[in-house]
Amino acid sequence: MKIDDKLKKIADYICENFEDLDMDDSVEEGYLDDYEEILGATEKVRYSLYP
């Protein structure tokens, strides 16, 4: 299983169990903008195995 497949499974699990995990909703709590200010948080980044 590739790393991106594992990450997809993790994301799916978090989405399905969001309430049970007692996580904050950044949009609902009003601090999504803080996350978006982090350099590159809203930009798509292309990862390559080769430099």
Protein backbone atom coordinates (compact mmCIF):
# COMPACT_ATOMS: atom_id res chain seq x y z
CA MET A 1 0.00 0.00 0.00
CA LYS A 2 1.41 3.36 -1.04
CA ILE A 3 1.69 6.28 1.39
CA ASP A 4 -0.99 8.26 -0.45
CA ASP A 5 -3.40 5.34 -0.07
CA LYS A 6 -2.68 5.25 3.66
CA LEU A 7 -3.22 9.01 3.97
CA LYS A 8 -6.54 8.70 2.12
CA LYS A 9 -7.67 6.00 4.56
CA ILE A 10 -6.68 8.21 7.50
CA ALA A 11 -8.58 11.19 6.06
CA ASP A 12 -11.64 9.03 5.43
CA TYR A 13 -11.51 7.71 9.00
CA ILE A 14 -11.25 11.22 10.46
CA CYS A 15 -14.16 12.46 8.32
CA GLU A 16 -16.35 9.52 9.30
CA ASN A 17 -15.53 9.78 13.01
CA PHE A 18 -15.13 13.55 13.39
CA GLU A 19 -17.69 13.94 16.18
CA ASP A 20 -16.48 10.89 18.11
CA LEU A 21 -12.88 12.13 17.98
CA ASP A 22 -14.00 15.41 19.65
CA MET A 23 -12.08 17.54 17.18
CA ASP A 24 -12.68 21.26 16.68
CA ASP A 25 -14.19 22.40 13.40
CA SER A 26 -11.89 25.22 12.28
CA VAL A 27 -14.61 26.81 10.13
CA GLU A 28 -17.21 26.67 12.89
CA GLU A 29 -14.74 27.93 15.50
CA GLY A 30 -13.64 30.79 13.22
CA TYR A 31 -9.93 30.09 12.95
CA LEU A 32 -9.69 28.66 9.44
CA ASP A 33 -8.08 31.92 8.28
CA ASP A 34 -5.24 31.34 10.75
CA TYR A 35 -4.49 28.00 9.10
CA GLU A 36 -4.67 29.47 5.61
CA GLU A 37 -2.06 32.08 6.53
CA ILE A 38 0.49 29.33 7.05
CA LEU A 39 2.87 29.46 4.10
CA GLY A 40 1.71 27.04 1.43
CA ALA A 41 -1.39 25.85 3.27
CA THR A 42 -3.69 26.82 0.42
CA GLU A 43 -1.28 26.19 -2.44
CA LYS A 44 -1.10 22.88 -4.23
CA VAL A 45 2.38 21.48 -3.90
CA ARG A 46 3.80 18.96 -6.33
CA TYR A 47 5.99 16.41 -4.65
CA SER A 48 8.60 14.55 -6.61
CA LEU A 49 10.77 11.62 -5.67
CA TYR A 50 13.58 13.25 -7.58
CA PRO A 51 15.13 16.63 -6.73
